Amino acid sequence: MEPPEKPTLPRNLKLVFQRIGRQLELYYQGPYRRAIGRSVRDEEDFFMLLVFGESLGIPNPASFYTLELQPLMLERFHEWHKRMGMERSPLDDFPCC
C-alpha cells in the first residue's frame, strides 16, 4: 500500500487569500454600491460648491483656504456643472464648454 499523497498548497497563499478577500468585499458591498456611489457624488458636489462658491457669488467663510484648491479642482469642474444642471460654465472667467 502506498501512503496517501499530501495535499499540495498553492505557492503563494497570500495571493489566494487576497483574491478571496476581494471577492468577499465585492459580494458584501454589491447591494450598497449604488448608495455608496450616490453618497460619494453628493459629498464631492458639496465640496465643489464650497471651493467654487465664492466665484458663484455665495459667501464662503473659508474662501481663504479653498482658494488654493481651485486649480486642483478645475479638472472635474466641467463634470460637476453638467451634473448640477448648468448647461454652460457659471464662471465668467472660466469658459470650459
PDB file of N, CA and C in Angstrom:
ATOM      1  N   MET A   1       0.816  -1.188   0.000  1.00  0.00           N
ATOM      2  CA  MET A   1       0.000   0.000   0.000  1.00  0.00           C
ATOM      3  C   MET A   1       0.858   1.249   0.000  1.00  0.00           C
ATOM      4  N   GLU A   2       0.439   2.186  -0.825  1.00  0.00           N
ATOM      5  CA  GLU A   2       1.165   3.448  -0.903  1.00  0.00           C
ATOM      6  C   GLU A   2       0.588   4.434   0.109  1.00  0.00           C
ATOM      7  N   PRO A   3       1.438   5.262   0.679  1.00  0.00           N
ATOM      8  CA  PRO A   3       0.909   6.279   1.609  1.00  0.00           C
ATOM      9  C   PRO A   3       0.094   7.317   0.830  1.00  0.00           C
ATOM     10  N   PRO A   4      -0.942   7.882   1.448  1.00  0.00           N
ATOM     11  CA  PRO A   4      -1.754   8.883   0.730  1.00  0.00           C
ATOM     12  C   PRO A   4      -0.925  10.123   0.421  1.00  0.00           C
ATOM     13  N   GLU A   5      -1.223  10.716  -0.714  1.00  0.00           N
ATOM     14  CA  GLU A   5      -0.491  11.916  -1.123  1.00  0.00           C
ATOM     15  C   GLU A   5      -0.878  13.094  -0.241  1.00  0.00           C
ATOM     16  N   LYS A   6       0.103  13.913   0.041  1.00  0.00           N
ATOM     17  CA  LYS A   6      -0.183  15.124   0.807  1.00  0.00           C
ATOM     18  C   LYS A   6      -0.836  16.132  -0.125  1.00  0.00           C
ATOM     19  N   PRO A   7      -1.818  16.873   0.373  1.00  0.00           N
ATOM     20  CA  PRO A   7      -2.417  17.895  -0.489  1.00  0.00           C
ATOM     21  C   PRO A   7      -1.395  18.993  -0.789  1.00  0.00           C
ATOM     22  N   THR A   8      -1.381  19.416  -2.029  1.00  0.00           N
ATOM     23  CA  THR A   8      -0.427  20.460  -2.404  1.00  0.00           C
ATOM     24  C   THR A   8      -1.059  21.818  -2.155  1.00  0.00           C
ATOM     25  N   LEU A   9      -0.311  22.677  -1.527  1.00  0.00           N
ATOM     26  CA  LEU A   9      -0.768  24.025  -1.253  1.00  0.00           C
ATOM     27  C   LEU A   9      -0.326  24.942  -2.375  1.00  0.00           C
ATOM     28  N   PRO A  10      -1.121  25.971  -2.652  1.00  0.00           N
ATOM     29  CA  PRO A  10      -0.686  26.933  -3.671  1.00  0.00           C
ATOM     30  C   PRO A  10       0.635  27.570  -3.252  1.00  0.00           C
ATOM     31  N   ARG A  11       1.407  27.943  -4.222  1.00  0.00           N
ATOM     32  CA  ARG A  11       2.731  28.500  -3.922  1.00  0.00           C
ATOM     33  C   ARG A  11       2.635  29.845  -3.222  1.00  0.00           C
ATOM     34  N   ASN A  12       1.655  30.598  -3.581  1.00  0.00           N
ATOM     35  CA  ASN A  12       1.540  31.919  -2.997  1.00  0.00           C
ATOM     36  C   ASN A  12       0.194  32.028  -2.278  1.00  0.00           C
ATOM     37  N   LEU A  13       0.155  31.605  -1.037  1.00  0.00           N
ATOM     38  CA  LEU A  13      -1.072  31.599  -0.263  1.00  0.00           C
ATOM     39  C   LEU A  13      -1.588  33.011  -0.017  1.00  0.00           C
ATOM     40  N   LYS A  14      -0.685  33.961   0.113  1.00  0.00           N
ATOM     41  CA  LYS A  14      -1.085  35.340   0.359  1.00  0.00           C
ATOM     42  C   LYS A  14      -1.920  35.863  -0.813  1.00  0.00           C
ATOM     43  N   LEU A  15      -1.519  35.549  -2.025  1.00  0.00           N
ATOM     44  CA  LEU A  15      -2.243  35.975  -3.214  1.00  0.00           C
ATOM     45  C   LEU A  15      -3.635  35.344  -3.249  1.00  0.00           C
ATOM     46  N   VAL A  16      -3.725  34.090  -2.882  1.00  0.00           N
ATOM     47  CA  VAL A  16      -5.014  33.400  -2.865  1.00  0.00           C
ATOM     48  C   VAL A  16      -5.957  34.059  -1.873  1.00  0.00           C
ATOM     49  N   PHE A  17      -5.461  34.367  -0.684  1.00  0.00           N
ATOM     50  CA  PHE A  17      -6.307  34.992   0.329  1.00  0.00           C
ATOM     51  C   PHE A  17      -6.678  36.423  -0.063  1.00  0.00           C
ATOM     52  N   GLN A  18      -5.806  37.134  -0.765  1.00  0.00           N
ATOM     53  CA  GLN A  18      -6.149  38.473  -1.249  1.00  0.00           C
ATOM     54  C   GLN A  18      -7.279  38.398  -2.264  1.00  0.00           C
ATOM     55  N   ARG A  19      -7.216  37.429  -3.150  1.00  0.00           N
ATOM     56  CA  ARG A  19      -8.283  37.269  -4.140  1.00  0.00           C
ATOM     57  C   ARG A  19      -9.606  36.914  -3.465  1.00  0.00           C
ATOM     58  N   ILE A  20      -9.553  36.024  -2.507  1.00  0.00           N
ATOM     59  CA  ILE A  20     -10.769  35.650  -1.776  1.00  0.00           C
ATOM     60  C   ILE A  20     -11.324  36.865  -1.048  1.00  0.00           C
ATOM     61  N   GLY A  21     -10.444  37.638  -0.437  1.00  0.00           N
ATOM     62  CA  GLY A  21     -10.871  38.845   0.270  1.00  0.00           C
ATOM     63  C   GLY A  21     -11.531  39.850  -0.649  1.00  0.00           C
ATOM     64  N   ARG A  22     -10.960  40.041  -1.840  1.00  0.00           N
ATOM     65  CA  ARG A  22     -11.554  40.970  -2.816  1.00  0.00           C
ATOM     66  C   ARG A  22     -12.938  40.497  -3.251  1.00  0.00           C
ATOM     67  N   GLN A  23     -13.076  39.200  -3.497  1.00  0.00           N
ATOM     68  CA  GLN A  23     -14.364  38.663  -3.921  1.00  0.00           C
ATOM     69  C   GLN A  23     -15.411  38.808  -2.823  1.00  0.00           C
ATOM     70  N   LEU A  24     -15.024  38.548  -1.579  1.00  0.00           N
ATOM     71  CA  LEU A  24     -15.963  38.717  -0.477  1.00  0.00           C
ATOM     72  C   LEU A  24     -16.351  40.178  -0.292  1.00  0.00           C
ATOM     73  N   GLU A  25     -15.400  41.068  -0.472  1.00  0.00           N
ATOM     74  CA  GLU A  25     -15.677  42.503  -0.368  1.00  0.00           C
ATOM     75  C   GLU A  25     -16.685  42.930  -1.431  1.00  0.00           C
ATOM     76  N   LEU A  26     -16.482  42.465  -2.655  1.00  0.00           N
ATOM     77  CA  LEU A  26     -17.422  42.785  -3.727  1.00  0.00           C
ATOM     78  C   LEU A  26     -18.803  42.194  -3.452  1.00  0.00           C
ATOM     79  N   TYR A  27     -18.831  41.005  -2.904  1.00  0.00           N
ATOM     80  CA  TYR A  27     -20.097  40.339  -2.603  1.00  0.00           C
ATOM     81  C   TYR A  27     -20.884  41.110  -1.551  1.00  0.00           C
ATOM     82  N   TYR A  28     -20.222  41.553  -0.503  1.00  0.00           N
ATOM     83  CA  TYR A  28     -20.917  42.242   0.572  1.00  0.00           C
ATOM     84  C   TYR A  28     -21.230  43.695   0.237  1.00  0.00           C
ATOM     85  N   GLN A  29     -20.437  44.328  -0.611  1.00  0.00           N
ATOM     86  CA  GLN A  29     -20.694  45.711  -0.975  1.00  0.00           C
ATOM     87  C   GLN A  29     -21.650  45.835  -2.153  1.00  0.00           C
ATOM     88  N   GLY A  30     -21.895  44.748  -2.861  1.00  0.00           N
ATOM     89  CA  GLY A  30     -22.731  44.774  -4.054  1.00  0.00           C
ATOM     90  C   GLY A  30     -24.079  45.451  -3.884  1.00  0.00           C
ATOM     91  N   PRO A  31     -24.863  45.060  -2.901  1.00  0.00           N
ATOM     92  CA  PRO A  31     -26.185  45.678  -2.760  1.00  0.00           C
ATOM     93  C   PRO A  31     -26.135  47.164  -2.404  1.00  0.00           C
ATOM     94  N   TYR A  32     -25.030  47.623  -1.851  1.00  0.00           N
ATOM     95  CA  TYR A  32     -24.925  49.001  -1.385  1.00  0.00           C
ATOM     96  C   TYR A  32     -24.089  49.877  -2.307  1.00  0.00           C
ATOM     97  N   ARG A  33     -23.611  49.321  -3.400  1.00  0.00           N
ATOM     98  CA  ARG A  33     -22.706  50.053  -4.285  1.00  0.00           C
ATOM     99  C   ARG A  33     -23.349  51.331  -4.820  1.00  0.00           C
ATOM    100  N   ARG A  34     -24.612  51.271  -5.211  1.00  0.00           N
ATOM    101  CA  ARG A  34     -25.289  52.446  -5.755  1.00  0.00           C
ATOM    102  C   ARG A  34     -25.448  53.531  -4.676  1.00  0.00           C
ATOM    103  N   ALA A  35     -25.824  53.134  -3.482  1.00  0.00           N
ATOM    104  CA  ALA A  35     -25.989  54.106  -2.396  1.00  0.00           C
ATOM    105  C   ALA A  35     -24.649  54.722  -2.006  1.00  0.00           C
ATOM    106  N   ILE A  36     -23.605  53.918  -1.998  1.00  0.00           N
ATOM    107  CA  ILE A  36     -22.271  54.434  -1.674  1.00  0.00           C
ATOM    108  C   ILE A  36     -21.814  55.404  -2.759  1.00  0.00           C
ATOM    109  N   GLY A  37     -22.036  55.067  -4.016  1.00  0.00           N
ATOM    110  CA  GLY A  37     -21.673  55.948  -5.120  1.00  0.00           C
ATOM    111  C   GLY A  37     -22.421  57.273  -5.060  1.00  0.00           C
ATOM    112  N   ARG A  38     -23.715  57.211  -4.746  1.00  0.00           N
ATOM    113  CA  ARG A  38     -24.509  58.426  -4.639  1.00  0.00           C
ATOM    114  C   ARG A  38     -24.005  59.301  -3.485  1.00  0.00           C
ATOM    115  N   SER A  39     -23.665  58.673  -2.391  1.00  0.00           N
ATOM    116  CA  SER A  39     -23.140  59.399  -1.237  1.00  0.00           C
ATOM    117  C   SER A  39     -21.812  60.086  -1.572  1.00  0.00           C
ATOM    118  N   VAL A  40     -20.953  59.379  -2.282  1.00  0.00           N
ATOM    119  CA  VAL A  40     -19.660  59.957  -2.680  1.00  0.00           C
ATOM    120  C   VAL A  40     -19.876  61.143  -3.628  1.00  0.00           C
ATOM    121  N   ARG A  41     -20.803  61.000  -4.592  1.00  0.00           N
ATOM    122  CA  ARG A  41     -21.089  62.110  -5.513  1.00  0.00           C
ATOM    123  C   ARG A  41     -21.651  63.325  -4.775  1.00  0.00           C
ATOM    124  N   ASP A  42     -22.567  63.089  -3.827  1.00  0.00           N
ATOM    125  CA  ASP A  42     -23.134  64.197  -3.061  1.00  0.00           C
ATOM    126  C   ASP A  42     -22.063  64.926  -2.262  1.00  0.00           C
ATOM    127  N   GLU A  43     -21.163  64.150  -1.678  1.00  0.00           N
ATOM    128  CA  GLU A  43     -20.076  64.740  -0.908  1.00  0.00           C
ATOM    129  C   GLU A  43     -19.151  65.559  -1.815  1.00  0.00           C
ATOM    130  N   GLU A  44     -18.855  65.037  -2.995  1.00  0.00           N
ATOM    131  CA  GLU A  44     -17.998  65.760  -3.934  1.00  0.00           C
ATOM    132  C   GLU A  44     -18.695  67.018  -4.453  1.00  0.00           C
ATOM    133  N   ASP A  45     -20.012  66.941  -4.694  1.00  0.00           N
ATOM    134  CA  ASP A  45     -20.751  68.118  -5.140  1.00  0.00           C
ATOM    135  C   ASP A  45     -20.716  69.214  -4.090  1.00  0.00           C
ATOM    136  N   PHE A  46     -20.895  68.839  -2.851  1.00  0.00           N
ATOM    137  CA  PHE A  46     -20.843  69.819  -1.768  1.00  0.00           C
ATOM    138  C   PHE A  46     -19.451  70.443  -1.666  1.00  0.00           C
ATOM    139  N   PHE A  47     -18.432  69.639  -1.811  1.00  0.00           N
ATOM    140  CA  PHE A  47     -17.065  70.149  -1.738  1.00  0.00           C
ATOM    141  C   PHE A  47     -16.778  71.101  -2.892  1.00  0.00           C
ATOM    142  N   MET A  48     -17.243  70.750  -4.091  1.00  0.00           N
ATOM    143  CA  MET A  48     -17.049  71.637  -5.245  1.00  0.00           C
ATOM    144  C   MET A  48     -17.779  72.958  -5.027  1.00  0.00           C
ATOM    145  N   LEU A  49     -18.973  72.902  -4.435  1.00  0.00           N
ATOM    146  CA  LEU A  49     -19.708  74.123  -4.139  1.00  0.00           C
ATOM    147  C   LEU A  49     -18.953  74.978  -3.129  1.00  0.00           C
ATOM    148  N   LEU A  50     -18.333  74.336  -2.163  1.00  0.00           N
ATOM    149  CA  LEU A  50     -17.517  75.074  -1.203  1.00  0.00           C
ATOM    150  C   LEU A  50     -16.328  75.742  -1.880  1.00  0.00           C
ATOM    151  N   VAL A  51     -15.666  75.005  -2.744  1.00  0.00           N
ATOM    152  CA  VAL A  51     -14.461  75.527  -3.391  1.00  0.00           C
ATOM    153  C   VAL A  51     -14.805  76.661  -4.356  1.00  0.00           C
ATOM    154  N   PHE A  52     -15.846  76.488  -5.167  1.00  0.00           N
ATOM    155  CA  PHE A  52     -16.179  77.476  -6.183  1.00  0.00           C
ATOM    156  C   PHE A  52     -17.324  78.398  -5.760  1.00  0.00           C
ATOM    157  N   GLY A  53     -17.772  78.309  -4.525  1.00  0.00           N
ATOM    158  CA  GLY A  53     -18.892  79.128  -4.061  1.00  0.00           C
ATOM    159  C   GLY A  53     -18.628  80.607  -4.160  1.00  0.00           C
ATOM    160  N   GLU A  54     -17.458  81.040  -3.793  1.00  0.00           N
ATOM    161  CA  GLU A  54     -17.119  82.466  -3.847  1.00  0.00           C
ATOM    162  C   GLU A  54     -17.173  82.976  -5.287  1.00  0.00           C
ATOM    163  N   SER A  55     -16.760  82.164  -6.225  1.00  0.00           N
ATOM    164  CA  SER A  55     -16.806  82.557  -7.639  1.00  0.00           C
ATOM    165  C   SER A  55     -18.234  82.637  -8.153  1.00  0.00           C
ATOM    166  N   LEU A  56     -19.124  81.874  -7.540  1.00  0.00           N
ATOM    167  CA  LEU A  56     -20.528  81.872  -7.953  1.00  0.00           C
ATOM    168  C   LEU A  56     -21.348  82.924  -7.225  1.00  0.00           C
ATOM    169  N   GLY A  57     -20.729  83.651  -6.298  1.00  0.00           N
ATOM    170  CA  GLY A  57     -21.438  84.699  -5.574  1.00  0.00           C
ATOM    171  C   GLY A  57     -22.009  84.252  -4.247  1.00  0.00           C
ATOM    172  N   ILE A  58     -21.662  83.094  -3.785  1.00  0.00           N
ATOM    173  CA  ILE A  58     -22.127  82.591  -2.497  1.00  0.00           C
ATOM    174  C   ILE A  58     -21.064  82.926  -1.455  1.00  0.00           C
ATOM    175  N   PRO A  59     -21.421  83.661  -0.401  1.00  0.00           N
ATOM    176  CA  PRO A  59     -20.412  83.993   0.606  1.00  0.00           C
ATOM    177  C   PRO A  59     -19.841  82.728   1.242  1.00  0.00           C
ATOM    178  N   ASN A  60     -18.546  82.664   1.326  1.00  0.00           N
ATOM    179  CA  ASN A  60     -17.869  81.486   1.862  1.00  0.00           C
ATOM    180  C   ASN A  60     -16.894  81.935   2.944  1.00  0.00           C
ATOM    181  N   PRO A  61     -17.143  81.544   4.188  1.00  0.00           N
ATOM    182  CA  PRO A  61     -16.237  81.962   5.254  1.00  0.00           C
ATOM    183  C   PRO A  61     -14.861  81.300   5.165  1.00  0.00           C
ATOM    184  N   ALA A  62     -14.756  80.230   4.426  1.00  0.00           N
ATOM    185  CA  ALA A  62     -13.480  79.520   4.313  1.00  0.00           C
ATOM    186  C   ALA A  62     -12.815  79.776   2.964  1.00  0.00           C
ATOM    187  N   SER A  63     -13.149  80.864   2.311  1.00  0.00           N
ATOM    188  CA  SER A  63     -12.623  81.100   0.966  1.00  0.00           C
ATOM    189  C   SER A  63     -11.104  81.249   0.947  1.00  0.00           C
ATOM    190  N   PHE A  64     -10.536  81.715   2.032  1.00  0.00           N
ATOM    191  CA  PHE A  64      -9.082  81.843   2.098  1.00  0.00           C
ATOM    192  C   PHE A  64      -8.415  80.475   1.908  1.00  0.00           C
ATOM    193  N   TYR A  65      -9.018  79.438   2.472  1.00  0.00           N
ATOM    194  CA  TYR A  65      -8.443  78.091   2.385  1.00  0.00           C
ATOM    195  C   TYR A  65      -8.828  77.382   1.089  1.00  0.00           C
ATOM    196  N   THR A  66     -10.035  77.615   0.618  1.00  0.00           N
ATOM    197  CA  THR A  66     -10.485  76.896  -0.572  1.00  0.00           C
ATOM    198  C   THR A  66      -9.950  77.505  -1.859  1.00  0.00           C
ATOM    199  N   LEU A  67      -9.470  78.743  -1.809  1.00  0.00           N
ATOM    200  CA  LEU A  67      -8.922  79.380  -2.998  1.00  0.00           C
ATOM    201  C   LEU A  67      -7.721  78.615  -3.540  1.00  0.00           C
ATOM    202  N   GLU A  68      -6.947  78.027  -2.653  1.00  0.00           N
ATOM    203  CA  GLU A  68      -5.776  77.241  -3.071  1.00  0.00           C
ATOM    204  C   GLU A  68      -6.168  75.964  -3.797  1.00  0.00           C
ATOM    205  N   LEU A  69      -7.381  75.469  -3.549  1.00  0.00           N
ATOM    206  CA  LEU A  69      -7.821  74.201  -4.134  1.00  0.00           C
ATOM    207  C   LEU A  69      -8.416  74.350  -5.536  1.00  0.00           C
ATOM    208  N   GLN A  70      -8.762  75.566  -5.930  1.00  0.00           N
ATOM    209  CA  GLN A  70      -9.413  75.749  -7.227  1.00  0.00           C
ATOM    210  C   GLN A  70      -8.613  75.209  -8.401  1.00  0.00           C
ATOM    211  N   PRO A  71      -7.313  75.464  -8.502  1.00  0.00           N
ATOM    212  CA  PRO A  71      -6.580  74.896  -9.655  1.00  0.00           C
ATOM    213  C   PRO A  71      -6.615  73.372  -9.687  1.00  0.00           C
ATOM    214  N   LEU A  72      -6.662  72.735  -8.532  1.00  0.00           N
ATOM    215  CA  LEU A  72      -6.704  71.271  -8.491  1.00  0.00           C
ATOM    216  C   LEU A  72      -8.077  70.731  -8.881  1.00  0.00           C
ATOM    217  N   MET A  73      -9.116  71.499  -8.611  1.00  0.00           N
ATOM    218  CA  MET A  73     -10.477  71.034  -8.852  1.00  0.00           C
ATOM    219  C   MET A  73     -10.983  71.398 -10.256  1.00  0.00           C
ATOM    220  N   LEU A  74     -10.247  72.208 -10.992  1.00  0.00           N
ATOM    221  CA  LEU A  74     -10.713  72.629 -12.320  1.00  0.00           C
ATOM    222  C   LEU A  74     -10.863  71.465 -13.285  1.00  0.00           C
ATOM    223  N   GLU A  75     -10.110  70.396 -13.080  1.00  0.00           N
ATOM    224  CA  GLU A  75     -10.218  69.228 -13.968  1.00  0.00           C
ATOM    225  C   GLU A  75     -11.611  68.614 -13.906  1.00  0.00           C
ATOM    226  N   ARG A  76     -12.203  68.620 -12.715  1.00  0.00           N
ATOM    227  CA  ARG A  76     -13.519  67.997 -12.531  1.00  0.00           C
ATOM    228  C   ARG A  76     -14.664  68.998 -12.597  1.00  0.00           C
ATOM    229  N   PHE A  77     -14.356  70.261 -12.843  1.00  0.00           N
ATOM    230  CA  PHE A  77     -15.380  71.300 -12.825  1.00  0.00           C
ATOM    231  C   PHE A  77     -16.428  71.085 -13.906  1.00  0.00           C
ATOM    232  N   HIS A  78     -16.026  70.704 -15.105  1.00  0.00           N
ATOM    233  CA  HIS A  78     -16.970  70.501 -16.209  1.00  0.00           C
ATOM    234  C   HIS A  78     -17.988  69.418 -15.860  1.00  0.00           C
ATOM    235  N   GLU A  79     -17.520  68.285 -15.351  1.00  0.00           N
ATOM    236  CA  GLU A  79     -18.432  67.207 -14.957  1.00  0.00           C
ATOM    237  C   GLU A  79     -19.410  67.690 -13.897  1.00  0.00           C
ATOM    238  N   TRP A  80     -18.885  68.477 -12.967  1.00  0.00           N
ATOM    239  CA  TRP A  80     -19.710  68.934 -11.850  1.00  0.00           C
ATOM    240  C   TRP A  80     -20.824  69.867 -12.320  1.00  0.00           C
ATOM    241  N   HIS A  81     -20.493  70.869 -13.121  1.00  0.00           N
ATOM    242  CA  HIS A  81     -21.546  71.817 -13.504  1.00  0.00           C
ATOM    243  C   HIS A  81     -22.561  71.168 -14.433  1.00  0.00           C
ATOM    244  N   LYS A  82     -22.166  70.166 -15.210  1.00  0.00           N
ATOM    245  CA  LYS A  82     -23.129  69.416 -16.025  1.00  0.00           C
ATOM    246  C   LYS A  82     -24.062  68.606 -15.121  1.00  0.00           C
ATOM    247  N   ARG A  83     -23.502  67.976 -14.096  1.00  0.00           N
ATOM    248  CA  ARG A  83     -24.297  67.172 -13.178  1.00  0.00           C
ATOM    249  C   ARG A  83     -25.261  68.045 -12.373  1.00  0.00           C
ATOM    250  N   MET A  84     -24.892  69.298 -12.128  1.00  0.00           N
ATOM    251  CA  MET A  84     -25.746  70.217 -11.382  1.00  0.00           C
ATOM    252  C   MET A  84     -26.833  70.840 -12.261  1.00  0.00           C
ATOM    253  N   GLY A  85     -26.813  70.529 -13.553  1.00  0.00           N
ATOM    254  CA  GLY A  85     -27.855  71.004 -14.453  1.00  0.00           C
ATOM    255  C   GLY A  85     -27.537  72.329 -15.117  1.00  0.00           C
ATOM    256  N   MET A  86     -26.303  72.789 -15.018  1.00  0.00           N
ATOM    257  CA  MET A  86     -25.904  74.033 -15.673  1.00  0.00           C
ATOM    258  C   MET A  86     -25.344  73.694 -17.045  1.00  0.00           C
ATOM    259  N   GLU A  87     -25.971  74.249 -18.078  1.00  0.00           N
ATOM    260  CA  GLU A  87     -25.550  73.916 -19.429  1.00  0.00           C
ATOM    261  C   GLU A  87     -24.171  74.484 -19.753  1.00  0.00           C
ATOM    262  N   ARG A  88     -23.938  75.708 -19.336  1.00  0.00           N
ATOM    263  CA  ARG A  88     -22.653  76.375 -19.558  1.00  0.00           C
ATOM    264  C   ARG A  88     -21.970  76.600 -18.218  1.00  0.00           C
ATOM    265  N   SER A  89     -20.709  76.910 -18.268  1.00  0.00           N
ATOM    266  CA  SER A  89     -19.957  77.200 -17.061  1.00  0.00           C
ATOM    267  C   SER A  89     -20.509  78.461 -16.394  1.00  0.00           C
ATOM    268  N   PRO A  90     -20.810  78.413 -15.108  1.00  0.00           N
ATOM    269  CA  PRO A  90     -21.347  79.596 -14.440  1.00  0.00           C
ATOM    270  C   PRO A  90     -20.282  80.651 -14.149  1.00  0.00           C
ATOM    271  N   LEU A  91     -19.029  80.329 -14.355  1.00  0.00           N
ATOM    272  CA  LEU A  91     -17.959  81.267 -14.076  1.00  0.00           C
ATOM    273  C   LEU A  91     -17.635  82.050 -15.341  1.00  0.00           C
ATOM    274  N   ASP A  92     -17.666  83.375 -15.232  1.00  0.00           N
ATOM    275  CA  ASP A  92     -17.398  84.231 -16.388  1.00  0.00           C
ATOM    276  C   ASP A  92     -15.965  84.097 -16.895  1.00  0.00           C
ATOM    277  N   ASP A  93     -15.037  83.954 -15.953  1.00  0.00           N
ATOM    278  CA  ASP A  93     -13.612  83.924 -16.335  1.00  0.00           C
ATOM    279  C   ASP A  93     -13.118  82.523 -16.659  1.00  0.00           C
ATOM    280  N   PHE A  94     -14.001  81.534 -16.615  1.00  0.00           N
ATOM    281  CA  PHE A  94     -13.570  80.168 -16.903  1.00  0.00           C
ATOM    282  C   PHE A  94     -14.562  79.515 -17.867  1.00  0.00           C
ATOM    283  N   PRO A  95     -14.410  79.734 -19.166  1.00  0.00           N
ATOM    284  CA  PRO A  95     -15.295  79.084 -20.123  1.00  0.00           C
ATOM    285  C   PRO A  95     -14.801  77.673 -20.442  1.00  0.00           C
ATOM    286  N   CYS A  96     -15.429  76.666 -19.882  1.00  0.00           N
ATOM    287  CA  CYS A  96     -14.944  75.302 -20.123  1.00  0.00           C
ATOM    288  C   CYS A  96     -15.726  74.613 -21.244  1.00  0.00           C
ATOM    289  N   CYS A  97     -16.852  75.139 -21.628  1.00  0.00           N
ATOM    290  CA  CYS A  97     -17.660  74.486 -22.658  1.00  0.00           C
ATOM    291  C   CYS A  97     -17.586  75.214 -23.977  1.00  0.00           C
TER     292      CYS A  97
END
